[in-house]
């Protein structure tokens, strides 16, 4: 499933998710820089969780330097369960039950 928020026929925020083995994998959650801090990312995350409310677990990831993303996900109840170095980037994996 892909969700998007549009303004004046332009996508300003989007996110996607799918479910596999009772885990909902959320990815590509992005908000245009001009519209960050307005709750759009939070709204998309909430809607994806609601659409997949039958999932027993939710999982997503972000880069270790994406402090605002990490703060949002942790406010929403996600907890870090793994870190992985991929090339020059450390990726933080979070989960929520």
PDB file of N, CA and C in Angstrom:
ATOM      1  N   UNK A   1       0.845  -1.172   0.000  1.00  0.00           N
ATOM      2  CA  UNK A   1       0.000   0.000   0.000  1.00  0.00           C
ATOM      3  C   UNK A   1       0.890   1.235   0.000  1.00  0.00           C
ATOM      4  N   UNK A   2       0.520   2.179  -0.802  1.00  0.00           N
ATOM      5  CA  UNK A   2       1.224   3.461  -0.844  1.00  0.00           C
ATOM      6  C   UNK A   2       0.226   4.555  -0.498  1.00  0.00           C
ATOM      7  N   UNK A   3       0.597   5.396   0.459  1.00  0.00           N
ATOM      8  CA  UNK A   3      -0.222   6.553   0.823  1.00  0.00           C
ATOM      9  C   UNK A   3       0.528   7.813   0.419  1.00  0.00           C
ATOM     10  N   UNK A   4      -0.228   8.819   0.027  1.00  0.00           N
ATOM     11  CA  UNK A   4       0.414  10.088  -0.319  1.00  0.00           C
ATOM     12  C   UNK A   4      -0.479  11.243   0.105  1.00  0.00           C
ATOM     13  N   UNK A   5       0.161  12.364   0.351  1.00  0.00           N
ATOM     14  CA  UNK A   5      -0.538  13.613   0.643  1.00  0.00           C
ATOM     15  C   UNK A   5      -0.127  14.587  -0.454  1.00  0.00           C
ATOM     16  N   UNK A   6      -1.117  15.202  -1.070  1.00  0.00           N
ATOM     17  CA  UNK A   6      -0.852  16.137  -2.162  1.00  0.00           C
ATOM     18  C   UNK A   6      -1.289  17.549  -1.795  1.00  0.00           C
ATOM     19  N   UNK A   7      -0.605  18.500  -2.380  1.00  0.00           N
ATOM     20  CA  UNK A   7      -0.985  19.905  -2.271  1.00  0.00           C
ATOM     21  C   UNK A   7      -0.736  20.524  -3.637  1.00  0.00           C
ATOM     22  N   UNK A   8      -1.766  21.141  -4.200  1.00  0.00           N
ATOM     23  CA  UNK A   8      -1.658  21.757  -5.531  1.00  0.00           C
ATOM     24  C   UNK A   8      -1.102  20.775  -6.567  1.00  0.00           C
ATOM     25  N   UNK A   9      -1.630  19.569  -6.544  1.00  0.00           N
ATOM     26  CA  UNK A   9      -1.246  18.514  -7.492  1.00  0.00           C
ATOM     27  C   UNK A   9       0.210  18.065  -7.376  1.00  0.00           C
ATOM     28  N   UNK A  10       0.850  18.321  -6.251  1.00  0.00           N
ATOM     29  CA  UNK A  10       2.211  17.857  -6.006  1.00  0.00           C
ATOM     30  C   UNK A  10       2.207  16.980  -4.756  1.00  0.00           C
ATOM     31  N   UNK A  11       2.932  15.878  -4.808  1.00  0.00           N
ATOM     32  CA  UNK A  11       3.060  15.012  -3.634  1.00  0.00           C
ATOM     33  C   UNK A  11       4.010  15.688  -2.655  1.00  0.00           C
ATOM     34  N   UNK A  12       3.528  15.902  -1.431  1.00  0.00           N
ATOM     35  CA  UNK A  12       4.361  16.547  -0.411  1.00  0.00           C
ATOM     36  C   UNK A  12       4.757  15.576   0.701  1.00  0.00           C
ATOM     37  N   UNK A  13       4.116  14.404   0.739  1.00  0.00           N
ATOM     38  CA  UNK A  13       4.463  13.383   1.725  1.00  0.00           C
ATOM     39  C   UNK A  13       3.949  12.041   1.225  1.00  0.00           C
ATOM     40  N   UNK A  14       4.678  10.983   1.579  1.00  0.00           N
ATOM     41  CA  UNK A  14       4.224   9.649   1.191  1.00  0.00           C
ATOM     42  C   UNK A  14       4.877   8.596   2.077  1.00  0.00           C
ATOM     43  N   UNK A  15       4.318   7.418   2.022  1.00  0.00           N
ATOM     44  CA  UNK A  15       4.851   6.274   2.743  1.00  0.00           C
ATOM     45  C   UNK A  15       4.229   5.014   2.186  1.00  0.00           C
ATOM     46  N   UNK A  16       4.883   3.897   2.419  1.00  0.00           N
ATOM     47  CA  UNK A  16       4.335   2.641   1.930  1.00  0.00           C
ATOM     48  C   UNK A  16       4.528   1.549   2.965  1.00  0.00           C
ATOM     49  N   UNK A  17       3.750   0.485   2.818  1.00  0.00           N
ATOM     50  CA  UNK A  17       3.831  -0.628   3.753  1.00  0.00           C
ATOM     51  C   UNK A  17       3.295  -1.889   3.098  1.00  0.00           C
ATOM     52  N   UNK A  18       3.743  -3.012   3.627  1.00  0.00           N
ATOM     53  CA  UNK A  18       3.191  -4.308   3.238  1.00  0.00           C
ATOM     54  C   UNK A  18       3.295  -5.226   4.447  1.00  0.00           C
ATOM     55  N   UNK A  19       2.519  -6.297   4.436  1.00  0.00           N
ATOM     56  CA  UNK A  19       2.516  -7.230   5.555  1.00  0.00           C
ATOM     57  C   UNK A  19       2.999  -8.589   5.077  1.00  0.00           C
ATOM     58  N   UNK A  20       3.826  -9.206   5.915  1.00  0.00           N
ATOM     59  CA  UNK A  20       4.355 -10.537   5.625  1.00  0.00           C
ATOM     60  C   UNK A  20       4.616 -11.238   6.947  1.00  0.00           C
ATOM     61  N   UNK A  21       4.079 -12.430   7.104  1.00  0.00           N
ATOM     62  CA  UNK A  21       4.265 -13.215   8.335  1.00  0.00           C
ATOM     63  C   UNK A  21       3.924 -12.410   9.585  1.00  0.00           C
ATOM     64  N   UNK A  22       2.798 -11.742   9.571  1.00  0.00           N
ATOM     65  CA  UNK A  22       2.287 -10.960  10.705  1.00  0.00           C
ATOM     66  C   UNK A  22       3.126  -9.734  11.061  1.00  0.00           C
ATOM     67  N   UNK A  23       4.077  -9.364  10.208  1.00  0.00           N
ATOM     68  CA  UNK A  23       4.857  -8.144  10.411  1.00  0.00           C
ATOM     69  C   UNK A  23       4.518  -7.163   9.296  1.00  0.00           C
ATOM     70  N   UNK A  24       4.235  -5.939   9.681  1.00  0.00           N
ATOM     71  CA  UNK A  24       3.999  -4.866   8.721  1.00  0.00           C
ATOM     72  C   UNK A  24       5.316  -4.110   8.553  1.00  0.00           C
ATOM     73  N   UNK A  25       5.823  -4.120   7.336  1.00  0.00           N
ATOM     74  CA  UNK A  25       7.064  -3.423   7.016  1.00  0.00           C
ATOM     75  C   UNK A  25       6.710  -2.062   6.419  1.00  0.00           C
ATOM     76  N   UNK A  26       7.162  -1.012   7.086  1.00  0.00           N
ATOM     77  CA  UNK A  26       6.870   0.358   6.662  1.00  0.00           C
ATOM     78  C   UNK A  26       8.144   0.956   6.078  1.00  0.00           C
ATOM     79  N   UNK A  27       8.007   1.609   4.929  1.00  0.00           N
ATOM     80  CA  UNK A  27       9.189   2.172   4.295  1.00  0.00           C
ATOM     81  C   UNK A  27       8.883   3.391   3.462  1.00  0.00           C
ATOM     82  N   UNK A  28       9.958   4.011   3.028  1.00  0.00           N
ATOM     83  CA  UNK A  28       9.882   5.176   2.149  1.00  0.00           C
ATOM     84  C   UNK A  28       8.953   6.261   2.689  1.00  0.00           C
ATOM     85  N   UNK A  29       8.993   6.430   4.000  1.00  0.00           N
ATOM     86  CA  UNK A  29       8.213   7.495   4.639  1.00  0.00           C
ATOM     87  C   UNK A  29       8.999   8.793   4.454  1.00  0.00           C
ATOM     88  N   UNK A  30       8.425   9.711   3.700  1.00  0.00           N
ATOM     89  CA  UNK A  30       9.151  10.932   3.352  1.00  0.00           C
ATOM     90  C   UNK A  30       8.196  12.121   3.316  1.00  0.00           C
ATOM     91  N   UNK A  31       8.717  13.262   3.761  1.00  0.00           N
ATOM     92  CA  UNK A  31       7.957  14.516   3.725  1.00  0.00           C
ATOM     93  C   UNK A  31       8.853  15.568   3.062  1.00  0.00           C
ATOM     94  N   UNK A  32       8.294  16.290   2.110  1.00  0.00           N
ATOM     95  CA  UNK A  32       9.035  17.361   1.431  1.00  0.00           C
ATOM     96  C   UNK A  32       9.562  18.326   2.498  1.00  0.00           C
ATOM     97  N   UNK A  33      10.816  18.768   2.389  1.00  0.00           N
ATOM     98  CA  UNK A  33      11.404  19.642   3.406  1.00  0.00           C
ATOM     99  C   UNK A  33      10.566  20.873   3.758  1.00  0.00           C
ATOM    100  N   UNK A  34       9.887  21.463   2.797  1.00  0.00           N
ATOM    101  CA  UNK A  34       9.082  22.658   3.077  1.00  0.00           C
ATOM    102  C   UNK A  34       7.877  22.367   3.970  1.00  0.00           C
ATOM    103  N   UNK A  35       7.510  21.090   4.103  1.00  0.00           N
ATOM    104  CA  UNK A  35       6.313  20.735   4.860  1.00  0.00           C
ATOM    105  C   UNK A  35       6.627  19.897   6.096  1.00  0.00           C
ATOM    106  N   UNK A  36       7.907  19.748   6.420  1.00  0.00           N
ATOM    107  CA  UNK A  36       8.283  18.986   7.603  1.00  0.00           C
ATOM    108  C   UNK A  36       7.893  19.750   8.863  1.00  0.00           C
ATOM    109  N   UNK A  37       7.655  19.007   9.929  1.00  0.00           N
ATOM    110  CA  UNK A  37       7.290  19.610  11.203  1.00  0.00           C
ATOM    111  C   UNK A  37       5.821  19.974  11.316  1.00  0.00           C
ATOM    112  N   UNK A  38       5.010  19.525  10.362  1.00  0.00           N
ATOM    113  CA  UNK A  38       3.576  19.832  10.379  1.00  0.00           C
ATOM    114  C   UNK A  38       2.721  18.604  10.691  1.00  0.00           C
ATOM    115  N   UNK A  39       3.368  17.502  11.068  1.00  0.00           N
ATOM    116  CA  UNK A  39       2.621  16.301  11.433  1.00  0.00           C
ATOM    117  C   UNK A  39       2.250  15.396  10.275  1.00  0.00           C
ATOM    118  N   UNK A  40       2.750  15.677   9.079  1.00  0.00           N
ATOM    119  CA  UNK A  40       2.389  14.865   7.918  1.00  0.00           C
ATOM    120  C   UNK A  40       2.989  13.460   7.988  1.00  0.00           C
ATOM    121  N   UNK A  41       4.245  13.361   8.371  1.00  0.00           N
ATOM    122  CA  UNK A  41       4.875  12.047   8.511  1.00  0.00           C
ATOM    123  C   UNK A  41       4.183  11.222   9.575  1.00  0.00           C
ATOM    124  N   UNK A  42       3.853  11.863  10.663  1.00  0.00           N
ATOM    125  CA  UNK A  42       3.130  11.200  11.745  1.00  0.00           C
ATOM    126  C   UNK A  42       1.762  10.713  11.275  1.00  0.00           C
ATOM    127  N   UNK A  43       1.078  11.532  10.493  1.00  0.00           N
ATOM    128  CA  UNK A  43      -0.255  11.161   9.992  1.00  0.00           C
ATOM    129  C   UNK A  43      -0.173   9.963   9.052  1.00  0.00           C
ATOM    130  N   UNK A  44       0.821   9.941   8.188  1.00  0.00           N
ATOM    131  CA  UNK A  44       0.973   8.802   7.276  1.00  0.00           C
ATOM    132  C   UNK A  44       1.313   7.541   8.059  1.00  0.00           C
ATOM    133  N   UNK A  45       2.220   7.656   9.019  1.00  0.00           N
ATOM    134  CA  UNK A  45       2.579   6.504   9.844  1.00  0.00           C
ATOM    135  C   UNK A  45       1.352   5.972  10.580  1.00  0.00           C
ATOM    136  N   UNK A  46       0.573   6.860  11.172  1.00  0.00           N
ATOM    137  CA  UNK A  46      -0.650   6.449  11.874  1.00  0.00           C
ATOM    138  C   UNK A  46      -1.611   5.730  10.938  1.00  0.00           C
ATOM    139  N   UNK A  47      -1.786   6.257   9.734  1.00  0.00           N
ATOM    140  CA  UNK A  47      -2.724   5.655   8.779  1.00  0.00           C
ATOM    141  C   UNK A  47      -2.239   4.280   8.319  1.00  0.00           C
ATOM    142  N   UNK A  48      -0.940   4.144   8.066  1.00  0.00           N
ATOM    143  CA  UNK A  48      -0.404   2.842   7.669  1.00  0.00           C
ATOM    144  C   UNK A  48      -0.600   1.822   8.782  1.00  0.00           C
ATOM    145  N   UNK A  49      -0.349   2.225  10.024  1.00  0.00           N
ATOM    146  CA  UNK A  49      -0.562   1.312  11.150  1.00  0.00           C
ATOM    147  C   UNK A  49      -2.030   0.927  11.268  1.00  0.00           C
ATOM    148  N   UNK A  50      -2.906   1.866  11.040  1.00  0.00           N
ATOM    149  CA  UNK A  50      -4.338   1.586  11.114  1.00  0.00           C
ATOM    150  C   UNK A  50      -4.759   0.625   9.995  1.00  0.00           C
ATOM    151  N   UNK A  51      -4.268   0.851   8.788  1.00  0.00           N
ATOM    152  CA  UNK A  51      -4.606  -0.016   7.653  1.00  0.00           C
ATOM    153  C   UNK A  51      -4.142  -1.449   7.882  1.00  0.00           C
ATOM    154  N   UNK A  52      -3.031  -1.605   8.595  1.00  0.00           N
ATOM    155  CA  UNK A  52      -2.477  -2.936   8.867  1.00  0.00           C
ATOM    156  C   UNK A  52      -2.593  -3.281  10.353  1.00  0.00           C
ATOM    157  N   UNK A  53      -3.683  -2.899  10.955  1.00  0.00           N
ATOM    158  CA  UNK A  53      -3.870  -3.117  12.396  1.00  0.00           C
ATOM    159  C   UNK A  53      -3.882  -4.594  12.776  1.00  0.00           C
ATOM    160  N   UNK A  54      -4.058  -5.480  11.818  1.00  0.00           N
ATOM    161  CA  UNK A  54      -4.031  -6.915  12.110  1.00  0.00           C
ATOM    162  C   UNK A  54      -2.605  -7.424  12.325  1.00  0.00           C
ATOM    163  N   UNK A  55      -1.603  -6.626  11.978  1.00  0.00           N
ATOM    164  CA  UNK A  55      -0.207  -7.042  12.159  1.00  0.00           C
ATOM    165  C   UNK A  55       0.112  -7.168  13.640  1.00  0.00           C
ATOM    166  N   UNK A  56       0.912  -8.147  13.968  1.00  0.00           N
ATOM    167  CA  UNK A  56       1.345  -8.330  15.353  1.00  0.00           C
ATOM    168  C   UNK A  56       2.601  -7.506  15.649  1.00  0.00           C
ATOM    169  N   UNK A  57       3.277  -7.084  14.592  1.00  0.00           N
ATOM    170  CA  UNK A  57       4.536  -6.354  14.745  1.00  0.00           C
ATOM    171  C   UNK A  57       4.687  -5.388  13.567  1.00  0.00           C
ATOM    172  N   UNK A  58       5.288  -4.237  13.852  1.00  0.00           N
ATOM    173  CA  UNK A  58       5.595  -3.243  12.819  1.00  0.00           C
ATOM    174  C   UNK A  58       7.107  -3.037  12.809  1.00  0.00           C
ATOM    175  N   UNK A  59       7.663  -2.877  11.624  1.00  0.00           N
ATOM    176  CA  UNK A  59       9.105  -2.672  11.505  1.00  0.00           C
ATOM    177  C   UNK A  59       9.386  -1.573  10.484  1.00  0.00           C
ATOM    178  N   UNK A  60      10.379  -0.749  10.784  1.00  0.00           N
ATOM    179  CA  UNK A  60      10.847   0.273   9.854  1.00  0.00           C
ATOM    180  C   UNK A  60      12.307   0.555  10.138  1.00  0.00           C
ATOM    181  N   UNK A  61      12.929   1.350   9.281  1.00  0.00           N
ATOM    182  CA  UNK A  61      14.337   1.685   9.486  1.00  0.00           C
ATOM    183  C   UNK A  61      14.619   3.099   9.001  1.00  0.00           C
ATOM    184  N   UNK A  62      15.731   3.635   9.493  1.00  0.00           N
ATOM    185  CA  UNK A  62      16.177   4.967   9.098  1.00  0.00           C
ATOM    186  C   UNK A  62      17.680   5.054   9.325  1.00  0.00           C
ATOM    187  N   UNK A  63      18.309   6.068   8.792  1.00  0.00           N
ATOM    188  CA  UNK A  63      19.740   6.271   9.002  1.00  0.00           C
ATOM    189  C   UNK A  63      20.014   6.802  10.400  1.00  0.00           C
ATOM    190  N   UNK A  64      21.171   6.470  10.937  1.00  0.00           N
ATOM    191  CA  UNK A  64      21.497   6.879  12.304  1.00  0.00           C
ATOM    192  C   UNK A  64      21.574   8.397  12.457  1.00  0.00           C
ATOM    193  N   UNK A  65      21.812   9.117  11.374  1.00  0.00           N
ATOM    194  CA  UNK A  65      21.905  10.574  11.452  1.00  0.00           C
ATOM    195  C   UNK A  65      20.550  11.257  11.298  1.00  0.00           C
ATOM    196  N   UNK A  66      19.515  10.485  11.056  1.00  0.00           N
ATOM    197  CA  UNK A  66      18.161  11.038  10.893  1.00  0.00           C
ATOM    198  C   UNK A  66      17.501  11.171  12.266  1.00  0.00           C
ATOM    199  N   UNK A  67      18.007  12.111  13.039  1.00  0.00           N
ATOM    200  CA  UNK A  67      17.581  12.280  14.428  1.00  0.00           C
ATOM    201  C   UNK A  67      16.081  12.555  14.532  1.00  0.00           C
ATOM    202  N   UNK A  68      15.555  13.424  13.684  1.00  0.00           N
ATOM    203  CA  UNK A  68      14.116  13.740  13.757  1.00  0.00           C
ATOM    204  C   UNK A  68      13.267  12.509  13.472  1.00  0.00           C
ATOM    205  N   UNK A  69      13.702  11.682  12.512  1.00  0.00           N
ATOM    206  CA  UNK A  69      12.972  10.448  12.230  1.00  0.00           C
ATOM    207  C   UNK A  69      12.992   9.528  13.443  1.00  0.00           C
ATOM    208  N   UNK A  70      14.177   9.345  14.022  1.00  0.00           N
ATOM    209  CA  UNK A  70      14.298   8.480  15.195  1.00  0.00           C
ATOM    210  C   UNK A  70      13.416   8.978  16.334  1.00  0.00           C
ATOM    211  N   UNK A  71      13.397  10.282  16.555  1.00  0.00           N
ATOM    212  CA  UNK A  71      12.560  10.844  17.619  1.00  0.00           C
ATOM    213  C   UNK A  71      11.084  10.590  17.349  1.00  0.00           C
ATOM    214  N   UNK A  72      10.650  10.785  16.105  1.00  0.00           N
ATOM    215  CA  UNK A  72       9.254  10.536  15.749  1.00  0.00           C
ATOM    216  C   UNK A  72       8.898   9.080  16.007  1.00  0.00           C
ATOM    217  N   UNK A  73       9.709   8.164  15.498  1.00  0.00           N
ATOM    218  CA  UNK A  73       9.391   6.749  15.633  1.00  0.00           C
ATOM    219  C   UNK A  73       9.365   6.329  17.102  1.00  0.00           C
ATOM    220  N   UNK A  74      10.291   6.837  17.895  1.00  0.00           N
ATOM    221  CA  UNK A  74      10.305   6.479  19.311  1.00  0.00           C
ATOM    222  C   UNK A  74       9.114   7.080  20.049  1.00  0.00           C
ATOM    223  N   UNK A  75       8.697   8.283  19.685  1.00  0.00           N
ATOM    224  CA  UNK A  75       7.476   8.863  20.276  1.00  0.00           C
ATOM    225  C   UNK A  75       6.261   8.007  19.950  1.00  0.00           C
ATOM    226  N   UNK A  76       6.275   7.374  18.785  1.00  0.00           N
ATOM    227  CA  UNK A  76       5.163   6.531  18.335  1.00  0.00           C
ATOM    228  C   UNK A  76       5.244   5.115  18.898  1.00  0.00           C
ATOM    229  N   UNK A  77       6.210   4.853  19.770  1.00  0.00           N
ATOM    230  CA  UNK A  77       6.291   3.551  20.429  1.00  0.00           C
ATOM    231  C   UNK A  77       7.263   2.560  19.821  1.00  0.00           C
ATOM    232  N   UNK A  78       8.024   2.977  18.821  1.00  0.00           N
ATOM    233  CA  UNK A  78       9.000   2.083  18.202  1.00  0.00           C
ATOM    234  C   UNK A  78      10.265   2.047  19.052  1.00  0.00           C
ATOM    235  N   UNK A  79      10.901   0.860  19.073  1.00  0.00           N
ATOM    236  CA  UNK A  79      12.137   0.669  19.827  1.00  0.00           C
ATOM    237  C   UNK A  79      13.206   0.094  18.910  1.00  0.00           C
ATOM    238  N   UNK A  80      14.432   0.552  19.095  1.00  0.00           N
ATOM    239  CA  UNK A  80      15.558   0.061  18.296  1.00  0.00           C
ATOM    240  C   UNK A  80      15.824  -1.396  18.653  1.00  0.00           C
ATOM    241  N   UNK A  81      15.961  -2.235  17.618  1.00  0.00           N
ATOM    242  CA  UNK A  81      16.295  -3.632  17.881  1.00  0.00           C
ATOM    243  C   UNK A  81      17.537  -4.094  17.119  1.00  0.00           C
ATOM    244  N   UNK A  82      18.018  -3.277  16.186  1.00  0.00           N
ATOM    245  CA  UNK A  82      19.189  -3.693  15.413  1.00  0.00           C
ATOM    246  C   UNK A  82      19.807  -2.481  14.723  1.00  0.00           C
ATOM    247  N   UNK A  83      21.138  -2.537  14.584  1.00  0.00           N
ATOM    248  CA  UNK A  83      21.868  -1.541  13.791  1.00  0.00           C
ATOM    249  C   UNK A  83      22.742  -2.303  12.808  1.00  0.00           C
ATOM    250  N   UNK A  84      22.827  -1.795  11.604  1.00  0.00           N
ATOM    251  CA  UNK A  84      23.602  -2.465  10.569  1.00  0.00           C
ATOM    252  C   UNK A  84      24.368  -1.430   9.766  1.00  0.00           C
ATOM    253  N   UNK A  85      25.632  -1.706   9.504  1.00  0.00           N
ATOM    254  CA  UNK A  85      26.430  -0.820   8.666  1.00  0.00           C
ATOM    255  C   UNK A  85      26.270  -1.286   7.224  1.00  0.00           C
ATOM    256  N   UNK A  86      25.758  -0.391   6.392  1.00  0.00           N
ATOM    257  CA  UNK A  86      25.582  -0.667   4.966  1.00  0.00           C
ATOM    258  C   UNK A  86      26.396   0.364   4.200  1.00  0.00           C
ATOM    259  N   UNK A  87      27.549  -0.048   3.723  1.00  0.00           N
ATOM    260  CA  UNK A  87      28.450   0.902   3.072  1.00  0.00           C
ATOM    261  C   UNK A  87      28.981   1.885   4.093  1.00  0.00           C
ATOM    262  N   UNK A  88      28.743   3.170   3.862  1.00  0.00           N
ATOM    263  CA  UNK A  88      29.201   4.216   4.782  1.00  0.00           C
ATOM    264  C   UNK A  88      28.106   4.680   5.724  1.00  0.00           C
ATOM    265  N   UNK A  89      26.966   4.003   5.682  1.00  0.00           N
ATOM    266  CA  UNK A  89      25.810   4.421   6.476  1.00  0.00           C
ATOM    267  C   UNK A  89      25.469   3.373   7.525  1.00  0.00           C
ATOM    268  N   UNK A  90      25.144   3.832   8.715  1.00  0.00           N
ATOM    269  CA  UNK A  90      24.619   2.935   9.735  1.00  0.00           C
ATOM    270  C   UNK A  90      23.109   3.070   9.735  1.00  0.00           C
ATOM    271  N   UNK A  91      22.441   1.946   9.557  1.00  0.00           N
ATOM    272  CA  UNK A  91      20.982   1.916   9.492  1.00  0.00           C
ATOM    273  C   UNK A  91      20.444   1.406  10.822  1.00  0.00           C
ATOM    274  N   UNK A  92      19.447   2.113  11.343  1.00  0.00           N
ATOM    275  CA  UNK A  92      18.805   1.762  12.607  1.00  0.00           C
ATOM    276  C   UNK A  92      17.458   1.120  12.288  1.00  0.00           C
ATOM    277  N   UNK A  93      17.262  -0.100  12.781  1.00  0.00           N
ATOM    278  CA  UNK A  93      15.997  -0.814  12.599  1.00  0.00           C
ATOM    279  C   UNK A  93      15.184  -0.695  13.880  1.00  0.00           C
ATOM    280  N   UNK A  94      13.908  -0.363  13.726  1.00  0.00           N
ATOM    281  CA  UNK A  94      13.024  -0.196  14.879  1.00  0.00           C
ATOM    282  C   UNK A  94      11.805  -1.093  14.720  1.00  0.00           C
ATOM    283  N   UNK A  95      11.225  -1.480  15.859  1.00  0.00           N
ATOM    284  CA  UNK A  95      10.037  -2.317  15.839  1.00  0.00           C
ATOM    285  C   UNK A  95       9.045  -1.855  16.889  1.00  0.00           C
ATOM    286  N   UNK A  96       7.816  -2.258  16.676  1.00  0.00           N
ATOM    287  CA  UNK A  96       6.733  -1.923  17.599  1.00  0.00           C
ATOM    288  C   UNK A  96       5.784  -3.114  17.618  1.00  0.00           C
ATOM    289  N   UNK A  97       5.340  -3.482  18.821  1.00  0.00           N
ATOM    290  CA  UNK A  97       4.391  -4.591  18.967  1.00  0.00           C
ATOM    291  C   UNK A  97       3.035  -4.073  19.380  1.00  0.00           C
TER     292      UNK A  97
END
